[in-house]
N, C-alpha and C. Protein backbone atom coordinates (compact mmCIF):
# COMPACT_ATOMS: atom_id res chain seq x y z
N MET A 1 -81.84 96.62 -63.74
CA MET A 1 -82.13 96.95 -62.98
C MET A 1 -82.41 96.26 -62.10
N PHE A 2 -82.91 96.71 -60.34
CA PHE A 2 -83.31 95.95 -59.60
C PHE A 2 -84.22 97.10 -59.12
N SER A 3 -85.14 96.49 -57.98
CA SER A 3 -86.31 97.23 -57.32
C SER A 3 -85.86 97.21 -55.64
N GLY A 4 -84.48 96.41 -55.19
CA GLY A 4 -84.56 95.55 -54.10
C GLY A 4 -85.61 95.18 -52.86
N ILE A 5 -86.34 94.75 -53.91
CA ILE A 5 -87.08 93.93 -53.13
C ILE A 5 -86.97 92.47 -53.22
N VAL A 6 -86.63 91.92 -52.39
CA VAL A 6 -86.56 90.57 -52.73
C VAL A 6 -87.16 89.76 -52.15
N GLN A 7 -86.96 88.47 -53.05
CA GLN A 7 -87.94 87.77 -53.66
C GLN A 7 -87.81 86.16 -53.91
N ALA A 8 -86.63 85.71 -52.79
CA ALA A 8 -86.14 84.37 -52.56
C ALA A 8 -85.10 84.62 -51.20
N ILE A 9 -84.63 84.09 -50.27
CA ILE A 9 -83.36 83.84 -49.65
C ILE A 9 -83.05 82.43 -50.22
N VAL A 10 -81.75 82.10 -50.75
CA VAL A 10 -81.56 81.12 -50.94
C VAL A 10 -79.89 80.44 -50.34
N PRO A 11 -79.17 79.28 -50.57
CA PRO A 11 -78.23 78.99 -49.83
C PRO A 11 -77.40 78.61 -50.74
N VAL A 12 -76.06 79.15 -50.34
CA VAL A 12 -74.91 78.71 -51.31
C VAL A 12 -74.70 77.07 -51.53
N HIS A 13 -74.41 76.75 -52.50
CA HIS A 13 -74.46 74.91 -52.60
C HIS A 13 -73.32 74.78 -52.44
N ALA A 14 -72.42 75.23 -53.52
CA ALA A 14 -71.05 74.94 -54.22
C ALA A 14 -70.24 76.02 -54.17
N ILE A 15 -68.71 76.09 -54.07
CA ILE A 15 -68.24 77.13 -54.11
C ILE A 15 -66.27 76.82 -54.69
N ASN A 16 -65.99 77.13 -55.84
CA ASN A 16 -64.71 76.71 -56.34
C ASN A 16 -64.17 78.28 -56.23
N VAL A 17 -62.88 77.99 -55.95
CA VAL A 17 -61.54 78.78 -55.94
C VAL A 17 -60.71 78.71 -56.82
N ALA A 18 -59.78 80.00 -57.07
CA ALA A 18 -59.05 79.78 -58.06
C ALA A 18 -58.55 81.59 -57.61
N THR A 19 -57.19 81.82 -58.18
CA THR A 19 -56.58 82.82 -57.59
C THR A 19 -57.05 84.24 -58.13
N ASN A 20 -57.91 84.92 -57.62
CA ASN A 20 -58.78 86.23 -57.57
C ASN A 20 -60.03 85.68 -58.49
N PHE A 21 -60.62 84.86 -58.01
CA PHE A 21 -61.98 84.14 -58.71
C PHE A 21 -62.60 82.88 -58.08
N LYS A 22 -63.61 83.19 -58.09
CA LYS A 22 -64.67 82.33 -57.76
C LYS A 22 -65.43 81.83 -58.87
N THR A 23 -65.79 80.36 -58.79
CA THR A 23 -67.16 80.38 -59.09
C THR A 23 -68.36 80.12 -58.21
N TYR A 24 -69.29 80.47 -57.94
CA TYR A 24 -69.88 79.70 -56.69
C TYR A 24 -71.87 79.43 -57.14
N THR A 25 -72.09 77.97 -56.49
CA THR A 25 -73.56 78.46 -56.91
C THR A 25 -74.95 78.39 -56.01
N VAL A 26 -75.86 78.75 -56.12
CA VAL A 26 -77.24 79.00 -55.60
C VAL A 26 -78.28 77.82 -56.46
N THR A 27 -78.48 77.44 -55.36
CA THR A 27 -79.92 76.67 -55.21
C THR A 27 -81.33 77.91 -55.05
N LEU A 28 -81.83 78.01 -56.71
CA LEU A 28 -82.81 78.53 -56.93
C LEU A 28 -84.32 77.74 -56.37
N PRO A 29 -85.45 78.50 -55.81
CA PRO A 29 -86.59 78.24 -56.07
C PRO A 29 -87.11 78.04 -56.89
N ILE A 30 -88.34 76.75 -57.40
CA ILE A 30 -88.65 77.11 -58.83
C ILE A 30 -89.76 78.16 -59.48
N HIS A 31 -90.37 79.45 -58.50
CA HIS A 31 -90.95 80.24 -58.89
C HIS A 31 -89.73 81.05 -59.79
N LEU A 32 -88.53 80.88 -59.71
CA LEU A 32 -87.40 81.68 -59.82
C LEU A 32 -86.76 81.43 -61.52
N LEU A 33 -87.47 80.48 -61.90
CA LEU A 33 -86.44 79.60 -62.74
C LEU A 33 -86.97 79.91 -64.71
N SER A 34 -88.49 80.69 -64.10
CA SER A 34 -89.24 80.71 -64.85
C SER A 34 -88.45 81.71 -66.26
N ASN A 35 -88.18 81.27 -67.14
CA ASN A 35 -87.17 82.16 -68.42
C ASN A 35 -85.79 82.07 -68.46
N LEU A 36 -85.59 81.71 -66.99
CA LEU A 36 -83.89 81.97 -66.85
C LEU A 36 -82.88 80.90 -68.12
N LYS A 37 -82.05 82.07 -68.38
CA LYS A 37 -81.19 81.57 -69.46
C LYS A 37 -79.35 81.77 -69.45
N ILE A 38 -78.56 80.92 -69.46
CA ILE A 38 -77.42 81.17 -69.44
C ILE A 38 -76.80 83.07 -70.11
N GLY A 39 -76.38 83.66 -69.22
CA GLY A 39 -76.46 85.18 -69.85
C GLY A 39 -77.00 86.28 -68.87
N CYS A 40 -78.29 85.29 -67.98
CA CYS A 40 -79.44 86.39 -67.61
C CYS A 40 -78.49 87.38 -66.43
N SER A 41 -79.05 88.25 -66.02
CA SER A 41 -78.50 88.63 -64.99
C SER A 41 -80.03 88.49 -63.30
N ILE A 42 -78.96 88.56 -62.21
CA ILE A 42 -79.24 88.31 -60.91
C ILE A 42 -78.70 88.77 -59.94
N SER A 43 -80.11 89.76 -58.70
CA SER A 43 -78.87 90.47 -58.00
C SER A 43 -78.66 89.10 -56.82
N ASN A 44 -77.33 88.84 -56.39
CA ASN A 44 -77.43 88.39 -55.04
C ASN A 44 -76.63 89.38 -54.35
N ASN A 45 -77.29 89.61 -52.64
CA ASN A 45 -76.99 90.31 -52.04
C ASN A 45 -76.53 91.92 -52.44
N GLY A 46 -77.09 92.28 -54.06
CA GLY A 46 -77.31 93.61 -54.12
C GLY A 46 -76.23 93.58 -55.62
N CYS A 47 -75.54 92.47 -55.88
CA CYS A 47 -74.54 92.34 -56.92
C CYS A 47 -74.80 91.89 -57.92
N CYS A 48 -75.07 92.46 -58.71
CA CYS A 48 -75.80 91.60 -60.44
C CYS A 48 -74.50 91.24 -60.34
N LEU A 49 -75.17 89.73 -61.43
CA LEU A 49 -74.15 88.51 -61.20
C LEU A 49 -74.70 88.13 -63.03
N THR A 50 -74.18 87.42 -63.07
CA THR A 50 -74.66 86.89 -64.91
C THR A 50 -74.70 85.11 -64.80
N VAL A 51 -75.81 85.22 -65.09
CA VAL A 51 -75.73 83.15 -64.39
C VAL A 51 -75.22 82.91 -65.74
N ILE A 52 -74.14 81.56 -65.25
CA ILE A 52 -72.94 81.58 -66.17
C ILE A 52 -73.35 79.64 -66.87
N ALA A 53 -74.46 78.94 -65.65
CA ALA A 53 -74.46 78.05 -65.72
C ALA A 53 -76.40 77.49 -64.91
N ILE A 54 -76.73 76.54 -65.73
CA ILE A 54 -78.00 76.15 -65.00
C ILE A 54 -77.72 74.72 -65.17
N LYS A 55 -77.94 73.97 -63.63
CA LYS A 55 -78.22 72.52 -64.03
C LYS A 55 -79.63 71.92 -62.94
N HIS A 56 -80.34 72.30 -63.99
CA HIS A 56 -81.79 71.86 -62.90
C HIS A 56 -82.29 73.41 -62.57
N ASN A 57 -82.35 73.21 -60.69
CA ASN A 57 -82.56 74.38 -59.88
C ASN A 57 -80.92 75.05 -58.83
N LEU A 58 -80.06 74.49 -60.00
CA LEU A 58 -78.58 74.97 -59.13
C LEU A 58 -78.32 76.14 -60.56
N ILE A 59 -77.85 76.94 -59.90
CA ILE A 59 -77.51 78.20 -60.49
C ILE A 59 -76.15 78.88 -60.48
N SER A 60 -75.26 78.91 -61.17
CA SER A 60 -74.28 79.33 -60.88
C SER A 60 -73.68 80.54 -61.78
N PHE A 61 -72.53 81.14 -60.87
CA PHE A 61 -72.02 82.51 -61.03
C PHE A 61 -70.52 82.56 -61.04
N ASN A 62 -70.01 83.63 -61.77
CA ASN A 62 -68.20 83.36 -61.70
C ASN A 62 -68.28 85.51 -60.68
N LEU A 63 -67.16 85.05 -59.85
CA LEU A 63 -67.16 86.37 -59.38
C LEU A 63 -65.66 86.50 -59.43
N ILE A 64 -65.50 87.76 -60.29
CA ILE A 64 -63.94 88.55 -60.12
C ILE A 64 -63.21 89.42 -59.77
N HIS A 65 -62.02 89.47 -59.87
CA HIS A 65 -61.25 90.67 -58.50
C HIS A 65 -62.41 91.11 -58.02
N GLU A 66 -62.84 92.51 -59.50
CA GLU A 66 -63.57 93.59 -58.82
C GLU A 66 -64.32 93.30 -57.80
N THR A 67 -65.45 92.39 -58.15
CA THR A 67 -66.48 92.42 -57.35
C THR A 67 -65.79 91.45 -56.09
N LEU A 68 -65.37 90.75 -55.81
CA LEU A 68 -64.09 90.13 -54.91
C LEU A 68 -63.63 91.35 -53.68
N LYS A 69 -63.18 92.11 -54.57
CA LYS A 69 -62.40 93.35 -53.86
C LYS A 69 -63.56 94.20 -53.32
N LEU A 70 -64.50 95.21 -53.70
CA LEU A 70 -64.98 95.73 -53.35
C LEU A 70 -66.76 95.28 -53.02
N THR A 71 -66.84 94.12 -52.73
CA THR A 71 -68.33 93.30 -51.97
C THR A 71 -67.80 92.16 -50.78
N ASN A 72 -68.74 92.17 -50.39
CA ASN A 72 -68.32 91.00 -49.20
C ASN A 72 -68.82 89.44 -49.64
N MET A 73 -68.24 89.49 -50.94
CA MET A 73 -68.85 88.14 -51.66
C MET A 73 -68.10 86.96 -51.51
N ASN A 74 -66.73 87.94 -51.14
CA ASN A 74 -65.01 87.05 -50.67
C ASN A 74 -65.55 86.13 -49.27
N MET A 75 -66.88 86.64 -49.07
CA MET A 75 -66.57 86.02 -47.55
C MET A 75 -67.50 84.69 -47.06
N LEU A 76 -68.08 84.68 -48.65
CA LEU A 76 -69.07 83.38 -49.13
C LEU A 76 -68.76 81.93 -48.30
N LYS A 77 -69.30 81.55 -47.79
CA LYS A 77 -68.91 79.89 -47.15
C LYS A 77 -70.74 79.24 -48.09
N ILE A 78 -70.13 77.99 -48.10
CA ILE A 78 -71.28 77.02 -48.06
C ILE A 78 -72.09 76.97 -47.26
N GLY A 79 -73.53 77.04 -47.33
CA GLY A 79 -74.52 77.08 -46.36
C GLY A 79 -74.92 78.37 -46.32
N ASP A 80 -74.21 79.31 -46.85
CA ASP A 80 -74.57 80.96 -45.98
C ASP A 80 -75.90 81.34 -47.16
N LEU A 81 -76.44 82.33 -46.44
CA LEU A 81 -77.92 82.35 -47.44
C LEU A 81 -77.72 83.92 -47.89
N ILE A 82 -77.84 84.37 -49.19
CA ILE A 82 -77.98 84.96 -50.25
C ILE A 82 -79.30 85.56 -50.12
N ASN A 83 -79.28 87.06 -50.75
CA ASN A 83 -80.63 87.77 -50.78
C ASN A 83 -80.83 87.73 -52.30
N ILE A 84 -82.03 86.89 -52.92
CA ILE A 84 -81.98 87.09 -54.51
C ILE A 84 -83.03 87.72 -54.98
N GLU A 85 -82.61 88.71 -56.06
CA GLU A 85 -83.90 89.15 -57.08
C GLU A 85 -83.41 88.87 -58.42
N ARG A 86 -84.68 88.73 -59.46
CA ARG A 86 -84.43 88.96 -60.55
C ARG A 86 -84.80 89.99 -61.16
N PRO A 87 -83.78 90.41 -62.24
CA PRO A 87 -84.15 92.00 -62.87
C PRO A 87 -85.78 92.34 -62.82
N LEU A 88 -85.96 93.30 -63.07
CA LEU A 88 -87.29 94.69 -63.33
C LEU A 88 -86.99 94.04 -64.99
N SER A 89 -88.52 93.97 -65.17
CA SER A 89 -88.98 93.80 -66.73
C SER A 89 -90.02 95.01 -66.63
N TYR A 90 -90.43 95.27 -67.72
CA TYR A 90 -91.46 96.67 -68.44
C TYR A 90 -92.48 96.21 -67.95
N HIS A 91 -93.01 96.84 -67.59
CA HIS A 91 -94.75 96.75 -66.67
C HIS A 91 -94.39 96.34 -65.31
N SER A 92 -93.10 95.92 -64.38
CA SER A 92 -93.07 95.53 -63.14
C SER A 92 -93.01 96.43 -62.13
N GLU A 93 -94.17 96.25 -61.14
CA GLU A 93 -93.60 97.47 -60.57
C GLU A 93 -93.02 97.69 -59.33
N ILE A 94 -92.64 99.11 -59.17
CA ILE A 94 -91.37 99.45 -58.17
C ILE A 94 -91.36 99.62 -57.28
N GLY A 95 -91.84 98.60 -56.38
CA GLY A 95 -91.43 98.57 -54.99
C GLY A 95 -90.76 99.34 -54.04
N GLY A 96 -89.64 99.29 -54.22
CA GLY A 96 -88.90 99.70 -53.69
C GLY A 96 -87.82 101.03 -54.13
N HIS A 97 -86.81 100.95 -54.98
CA HIS A 97 -86.23 102.12 -55.54
C HIS A 97 -85.10 101.39 -56.50
N LEU A 98 -85.06 102.32 -57.48
CA LEU A 98 -84.07 101.70 -58.96
C LEU A 98 -82.67 101.52 -58.06
N MET A 99 -82.35 100.36 -58.52
CA MET A 99 -81.12 100.21 -58.21
C MET A 99 -80.52 98.80 -58.98
N THR A 100 -79.03 99.19 -59.50
CA THR A 100 -78.34 98.83 -60.52
C THR A 100 -77.54 97.84 -60.31
N GLY A 101 -77.44 97.37 -58.93
CA GLY A 101 -76.89 95.74 -58.89
C GLY A 101 -75.32 96.14 -58.83
N HIS A 102 -74.71 97.20 -58.38
CA HIS A 102 -73.38 97.63 -58.38
C HIS A 102 -72.98 98.32 -57.63
N ILE A 103 -72.21 97.61 -56.62
CA ILE A 103 -71.84 97.71 -54.94
C ILE A 103 -70.94 98.32 -55.12
N ASP A 104 -71.35 99.81 -54.21
CA ASP A 104 -70.35 101.27 -53.84
C ASP A 104 -69.06 101.10 -53.34
N CYS A 105 -69.72 99.89 -52.08
CA CYS A 105 -69.01 100.11 -50.87
C CYS A 105 -69.63 98.74 -49.81
N THR A 106 -68.96 98.32 -48.91
CA THR A 106 -69.27 97.72 -47.72
C THR A 106 -69.53 98.32 -46.58
N GLY A 107 -70.44 98.27 -45.84
CA GLY A 107 -70.72 98.97 -44.53
C GLY A 107 -69.97 97.67 -43.31
N LYS A 108 -70.16 98.25 -42.31
CA LYS A 108 -69.60 97.29 -41.00
C LYS A 108 -70.75 97.70 -40.23
N ILE A 109 -71.75 96.73 -39.43
CA ILE A 109 -72.87 96.72 -38.48
C ILE A 109 -72.28 97.21 -37.01
N LYS A 110 -72.19 98.02 -36.32
CA LYS A 110 -71.82 98.33 -35.39
C LYS A 110 -72.75 98.36 -34.19
N LYS A 111 -73.83 98.81 -34.85
CA LYS A 111 -74.57 98.50 -33.08
C LYS A 111 -76.62 97.70 -33.62
N ILE A 112 -77.09 96.45 -33.08
CA ILE A 112 -78.19 96.24 -33.43
C ILE A 112 -78.97 96.50 -32.42
N ILE A 113 -80.49 97.04 -32.34
CA ILE A 113 -81.24 97.46 -31.37
C ILE A 113 -82.07 96.30 -31.57
N THR A 114 -83.01 95.22 -31.31
CA THR A 114 -84.22 94.33 -31.34
C THR A 114 -85.52 94.65 -30.48
N SER A 115 -86.81 94.95 -30.81
CA SER A 115 -87.52 95.11 -30.21
C SER A 115 -88.73 94.13 -30.47
N ARG A 116 -90.06 94.56 -30.10
CA ARG A 116 -91.09 93.49 -30.30
C ARG A 116 -91.56 93.20 -31.61
N ASN A 117 -91.49 94.99 -32.30
CA ASN A 117 -92.43 94.71 -33.26
C ASN A 117 -90.70 95.65 -34.74
N ASN A 118 -89.59 95.59 -34.61
CA ASN A 118 -88.59 95.98 -35.23
C ASN A 118 -87.53 96.03 -34.60
N LYS A 119 -86.48 96.07 -35.62
CA LYS A 119 -85.11 95.92 -36.27
C LYS A 119 -84.25 97.25 -36.23
N ILE A 120 -83.26 97.81 -35.62
CA ILE A 120 -82.63 99.00 -36.01
C ILE A 120 -80.96 98.28 -36.12
N ILE A 121 -80.69 98.95 -37.01
CA ILE A 121 -79.59 98.07 -37.75
C ILE A 121 -78.61 99.98 -37.50
N TRP A 122 -77.25 99.79 -36.59
CA TRP A 122 -76.31 100.95 -37.23
C TRP A 122 -75.33 100.71 -37.81
N PHE A 123 -74.69 101.14 -39.27
CA PHE A 123 -73.51 100.57 -39.92
C PHE A 123 -72.52 101.61 -39.93
N SER A 124 -71.32 101.70 -40.59
CA SER A 124 -70.63 102.80 -40.77
C SER A 124 -69.83 102.47 -42.09
N ILE A 125 -69.78 103.20 -43.53
CA ILE A 125 -69.09 103.32 -43.82
C ILE A 125 -68.23 104.02 -44.42
N LYS A 126 -67.55 103.86 -45.43
CA LYS A 126 -66.11 104.67 -45.48
C LYS A 126 -66.71 106.37 -45.48
N ASN A 127 -65.37 107.70 -45.12
CA ASN A 127 -65.93 108.84 -45.08
C ASN A 127 -66.66 109.19 -46.54
N LYS A 128 -65.69 108.93 -47.93
CA LYS A 128 -66.35 109.39 -49.00
C LYS A 128 -67.02 109.20 -49.17
N TYR A 129 -67.89 108.18 -48.89
CA TYR A 129 -69.79 107.99 -49.34
C TYR A 129 -70.55 108.22 -48.49
N GLN A 130 -70.02 109.54 -47.55
CA GLN A 130 -70.88 109.77 -46.71
C GLN A 130 -71.45 111.01 -47.34
N LYS A 131 -70.94 111.37 -48.14
CA LYS A 131 -71.55 112.73 -48.76
C LYS A 131 -73.32 112.35 -49.63
N TYR A 132 -72.83 111.06 -49.83
CA TYR A 132 -74.17 110.32 -50.71
C TYR A 132 -75.11 109.66 -49.91
N ILE A 133 -75.16 110.27 -48.61
CA ILE A 133 -76.17 109.74 -47.66
C ILE A 133 -77.46 110.36 -46.95
N LEU A 134 -78.41 110.37 -47.46
CA LEU A 134 -79.05 111.55 -46.60
C LEU A 134 -80.22 111.11 -45.88
N GLN A 135 -80.36 111.99 -45.18
CA GLN A 135 -81.74 111.19 -43.96
C GLN A 135 -82.79 111.09 -45.04
N LYS A 136 -83.69 110.27 -44.88
CA LYS A 136 -85.10 110.07 -45.68
C LYS A 136 -84.60 109.25 -47.04
N GLY A 137 -83.61 109.41 -47.39
CA GLY A 137 -82.77 108.88 -48.19
C GLY A 137 -83.16 107.07 -48.38
N SER A 138 -82.98 107.21 -50.27
CA SER A 138 -82.62 105.09 -50.42
C SER A 138 -81.88 105.05 -50.53
N ILE A 139 -81.13 104.04 -49.88
CA ILE A 139 -80.01 102.96 -49.82
C ILE A 139 -80.29 102.03 -50.09
N GLY A 140 -79.51 101.05 -50.75
CA GLY A 140 -79.62 98.90 -51.12
C GLY A 140 -78.52 98.67 -50.00
N VAL A 141 -79.09 97.95 -48.87
CA VAL A 141 -78.10 97.04 -48.30
C VAL A 141 -78.70 95.87 -48.46
N GLU A 142 -77.65 94.76 -48.93
CA GLU A 142 -77.65 93.41 -49.56
C GLU A 142 -78.80 93.24 -50.05
N GLY A 143 -79.06 94.37 -51.29
CA GLY A 143 -79.62 93.94 -52.04
C GLY A 143 -81.18 94.23 -51.70
N VAL A 144 -81.45 94.60 -50.56
CA VAL A 144 -82.62 95.54 -49.92
C VAL A 144 -83.18 96.80 -50.18
N SER A 145 -83.70 97.06 -50.50
CA SER A 145 -84.20 98.78 -50.80
C SER A 145 -84.84 99.46 -49.02
N LEU A 146 -83.66 100.04 -49.13
CA LEU A 146 -84.24 100.87 -47.59
C LEU A 146 -84.42 102.36 -47.26
N THR A 147 -84.61 102.61 -46.45
CA THR A 147 -84.64 103.96 -46.00
C THR A 147 -83.69 104.54 -45.01
N VAL A 148 -82.91 105.49 -45.05
CA VAL A 148 -81.55 106.06 -44.22
C VAL A 148 -83.04 106.83 -43.28
N SER A 149 -83.11 106.10 -42.03
CA SER A 149 -83.41 106.62 -40.89
C SER A 149 -83.53 107.62 -40.17
N LYS A 150 -81.68 107.77 -40.12
CA LYS A 150 -80.78 108.66 -39.10
C LYS A 150 -79.87 108.52 -39.57
N ILE A 151 -78.46 109.94 -39.33
CA ILE A 151 -77.46 109.92 -39.46
C ILE A 151 -76.98 110.43 -38.49
N PHE A 152 -75.59 110.00 -37.97
CA PHE A 152 -74.83 110.43 -36.98
C PHE A 152 -73.18 110.41 -36.93
N ASN A 153 -72.52 111.72 -37.36
CA ASN A 153 -71.33 111.56 -37.70
C ASN A 153 -71.13 110.07 -39.34
N ASN A 154 -70.58 109.36 -38.80
CA ASN A 154 -70.23 108.36 -40.14
C ASN A 154 -71.26 107.03 -40.02
N TYR A 155 -72.65 107.11 -39.12
CA TYR A 155 -73.20 106.37 -38.47
C TYR A 155 -74.63 106.42 -39.40
N ILE A 156 -74.87 105.14 -39.75
CA ILE A 156 -76.54 105.60 -40.61
C ILE A 156 -77.20 104.10 -39.99
N ARG A 157 -78.12 104.84 -39.90
CA ARG A 157 -79.20 104.21 -39.31
C ARG A 157 -80.40 103.49 -40.25
N ILE A 158 -80.83 101.79 -40.06
CA ILE A 158 -81.84 101.22 -40.98
C ILE A 158 -82.89 101.20 -39.96
N CYS A 159 -83.88 101.24 -40.30
CA CYS A 159 -85.05 99.98 -39.57
C CYS A 159 -85.84 99.12 -40.05
N LEU A 160 -85.75 98.02 -39.46
CA LEU A 160 -86.61 96.75 -40.39
C LEU A 160 -88.24 96.36 -39.84
N THR A 161 -88.79 96.42 -40.61
CA THR A 161 -90.13 96.03 -40.34
C THR A 161 -89.89 94.26 -39.88
N PRO A 162 -90.90 93.64 -39.15
CA PRO A 162 -90.77 92.37 -39.17
C PRO A 162 -91.14 91.97 -40.55
N TYR A 163 -91.47 91.87 -41.37
CA TYR A 163 -91.33 91.76 -42.57
C TYR A 163 -90.16 91.41 -43.21
N THR A 164 -89.53 92.54 -43.40
CA THR A 164 -87.89 92.48 -43.76
C THR A 164 -87.32 91.89 -43.36
N ALA A 165 -87.40 91.99 -41.45
CA ALA A 165 -86.40 90.98 -40.95
C ALA A 165 -87.05 89.33 -41.26
N THR A 166 -87.92 89.34 -41.46
CA THR A 166 -87.70 87.73 -41.75
C THR A 166 -87.92 87.23 -43.14
N LYS A 167 -88.34 88.33 -44.72
CA LYS A 167 -88.05 88.35 -45.44
C LYS A 167 -86.68 88.47 -46.36
N THR A 168 -85.95 88.92 -45.65
CA THR A 168 -84.56 88.63 -45.56
C THR A 168 -83.21 88.41 -44.85
N THR A 169 -82.21 88.31 -45.30
CA THR A 169 -81.31 87.83 -44.19
C THR A 169 -80.39 89.12 -43.60
N LEU A 170 -81.18 90.28 -43.69
CA LEU A 170 -81.07 91.04 -42.96
C LEU A 170 -81.27 91.75 -41.21
N GLY A 171 -82.46 90.27 -41.43
CA GLY A 171 -82.99 89.55 -39.87
C GLY A 171 -82.34 88.90 -39.34
N ASN A 172 -81.04 88.49 -39.82
CA ASN A 172 -79.78 87.28 -39.31
C ASN A 172 -78.50 87.73 -39.51
N LYS A 173 -78.31 89.17 -39.54
CA LYS A 173 -77.11 90.45 -39.39
C LYS A 173 -77.07 90.10 -37.59
N GLN A 174 -75.53 90.41 -37.46
CA GLN A 174 -75.12 89.99 -36.37
C GLN A 174 -73.79 91.53 -36.21
N VAL A 175 -73.41 91.88 -35.31
CA VAL A 175 -72.79 92.86 -34.64
C VAL A 175 -71.28 92.75 -35.61
N ASP A 176 -70.74 93.82 -36.19
CA ASP A 176 -69.70 93.37 -36.99
C ASP A 176 -69.52 92.70 -38.22
N ASN A 177 -70.48 92.15 -38.73
CA ASN A 177 -70.69 91.72 -40.21
C ASN A 177 -70.80 93.11 -41.16
N ILE A 178 -70.37 92.32 -42.37
CA ILE A 178 -69.82 93.04 -43.30
C ILE A 178 -70.86 93.25 -44.34
N ILE A 179 -71.52 93.71 -44.80
CA ILE A 179 -72.41 94.31 -45.39
C ILE A 179 -72.42 94.95 -46.86
N ASN A 180 -73.19 94.57 -47.99
CA ASN A 180 -72.96 95.38 -49.31
C ASN A 180 -74.15 96.43 -48.96
N ILE A 181 -73.34 97.38 -49.71
CA ILE A 181 -74.07 98.90 -49.87
C ILE A 181 -74.13 99.62 -51.20
N GLU A 182 -75.21 99.95 -51.69
CA GLU A 182 -75.32 100.50 -52.88
C GLU A 182 -76.14 101.68 -53.00
N ILE A 183 -75.08 103.14 -53.23
CA ILE A 183 -75.67 104.26 -53.25
C ILE A 183 -76.91 105.11 -54.16
N ASP A 184 -78.11 105.30 -53.16
CA ASP A 184 -79.18 105.84 -54.71
C ASP A 184 -78.09 106.51 -55.52
N ILE A 185 -78.36 105.60 -57.07
CA ILE A 185 -77.63 106.21 -58.30
C ILE A 185 -78.43 107.48 -58.24
N ILE A 186 -79.39 108.31 -57.93
CA ILE A 186 -79.94 109.59 -58.68
C ILE A 186 -78.97 110.68 -57.17
N THR A 187 -79.27 110.48 -56.38
CA THR A 187 -78.43 111.10 -55.34
C THR A 187 -76.97 111.33 -55.14
N LYS A 188 -76.73 110.16 -56.28
CA LYS A 188 -74.84 110.19 -56.57
C LYS A 188 -74.50 110.83 -57.43
N SER A 189 -75.96 110.41 -58.49
CA SER A 189 -75.48 111.28 -59.84
C SER A 189 -75.50 112.92 -59.66
N VAL A 190 -76.46 113.49 -58.92
CA VAL A 190 -77.15 114.92 -58.69
C VAL A 190 -75.57 115.41 -57.91
N ILE A 191 -75.40 114.91 -56.97
CA ILE A 191 -74.46 115.11 -56.05
C ILE A 191 -73.14 115.53 -56.84
N ASN A 192 -72.57 114.49 -57.64
CA ASN A 192 -71.32 114.61 -58.39
C ASN A 192 -71.55 115.33 -59.81
N SER A 193 -72.59 115.60 -60.18
CA SER A 193 -72.72 117.08 -61.03
C SER A 193 -72.78 118.27 -60.66
N VAL A 194 -73.14 118.49 -59.20
CA VAL A 194 -73.17 120.04 -58.99
C VAL A 194 -71.42 120.10 -58.50
N GLU A 195 -70.83 119.06 -58.15
CA GLU A 195 -69.42 119.30 -57.79
C GLU A 195 -68.30 118.91 -58.83
N ARG A 196 -69.19 118.98 -59.95
CA ARG A 196 -68.23 118.88 -60.90
C ARG A 196 -68.51 120.27 -61.77
N THR A 197 -69.84 120.94 -61.97
CA THR A 197 -70.15 122.50 -62.22
C THR A 197 -69.15 123.36 -60.75
N LEU A 198 -69.43 123.03 -59.69
CA LEU A 198 -68.60 123.70 -58.87
C LEU A 198 -67.23 123.93 -59.10
N SER A 199 -66.46 122.84 -58.83
CA SER A 199 -65.18 122.74 -59.99
C SER A 199 -65.07 123.69 -61.06
N ILE A 200 -65.59 123.26 -62.02
CA ILE A 200 -65.16 124.18 -62.94
C ILE A 200 -65.28 125.78 -62.92
N ILE A 201 -66.20 126.02 -62.48
CA ILE A 201 -66.59 127.64 -62.11
C ILE A 201 -65.17 128.27 -61.74
N ASP A 202 -64.84 126.96 -60.30
CA ASP A 202 -63.87 127.78 -59.53
C ASP A 202 -62.01 127.85 -60.39
N PHE A 203 -62.38 126.90 -61.61
CA PHE A 203 -61.78 127.04 -62.06
C PHE A 203 -61.37 128.34 -62.87
N LYS A 204 -62.28 128.14 -63.69
CA LYS A 204 -62.89 129.61 -64.44
C LYS A 204 -62.56 130.80 -63.56
N ASN A 205 -62.84 130.81 -62.54
CA ASN A 205 -62.63 132.25 -61.71
C ASN A 205 -61.04 132.25 -61.43
N SER A 206 -60.40 131.07 -61.04
CA SER A 206 -59.23 131.69 -60.71
C SER A 206 -58.39 131.68 -61.73
N THR A 207 -58.80 130.97 -63.06
CA THR A 207 -57.77 131.50 -64.26
C THR A 207 -58.39 133.05 -64.22
N TYR A 208 -59.58 133.45 -64.52
CA TYR A 208 -60.00 134.69 -64.92
C TYR A 208 -59.13 135.78 -63.79
N ILE A 209 -59.34 135.37 -62.55
CA ILE A 209 -58.52 136.65 -61.87
C ILE A 209 -56.51 136.20 -62.36
N SER A 210 -56.06 135.51 -62.04
CA SER A 210 -54.68 135.16 -62.76
C SER A 210 -54.50 136.15 -63.52
N ASN A 211 -55.50 136.15 -64.31
CA ASN A 211 -55.08 136.69 -65.77
C ASN A 211 -55.06 138.34 -65.90
N LYS A 212 -55.78 138.83 -64.89
CA LYS A 212 -55.71 140.08 -64.79
C LYS A 212 -54.72 141.18 -64.52
């Protein structure tokens, strides 16, 4: 589990490509190397990935077909910057909201408004995920814990403080960029549970009526 508080922005050092499979390597700062072992998990732009190799401060991960299909990780190039977060541990402070590192979908940036003290980003996602987005609810964008400030049709607005804009990759995003989105797991669980319950009730009612 992660909190959506980015601990570092790191560059992609190398990428090795195979059919429906990639291995890529990032350069981690020293303060994130403590007790890091092969098999550990790290959030990369919101994706929970497993460490497969460690060579000094060069850390490698595999990207399988499902990850390449569902996230923007298939667009990575050498030199691109990645939001990094190590997992939460017991007694960790949860400064954002609980995130699993399992990306639900990607979004596309439609509009960016920049002022002196903040940055506003409007983006869209697929319609089937809109039901999980609540105004003032939590959302994970590129591994960053944010609050949905407004919803208009299928467009979602997030607001970045100067700190978030400079300490994450979101400050450098451009219109038409593709971003990783993780829906709040609590919101998603509640909505799915209610929908299942209602479908069961509808089924029982329709069966009861047809049997009368």
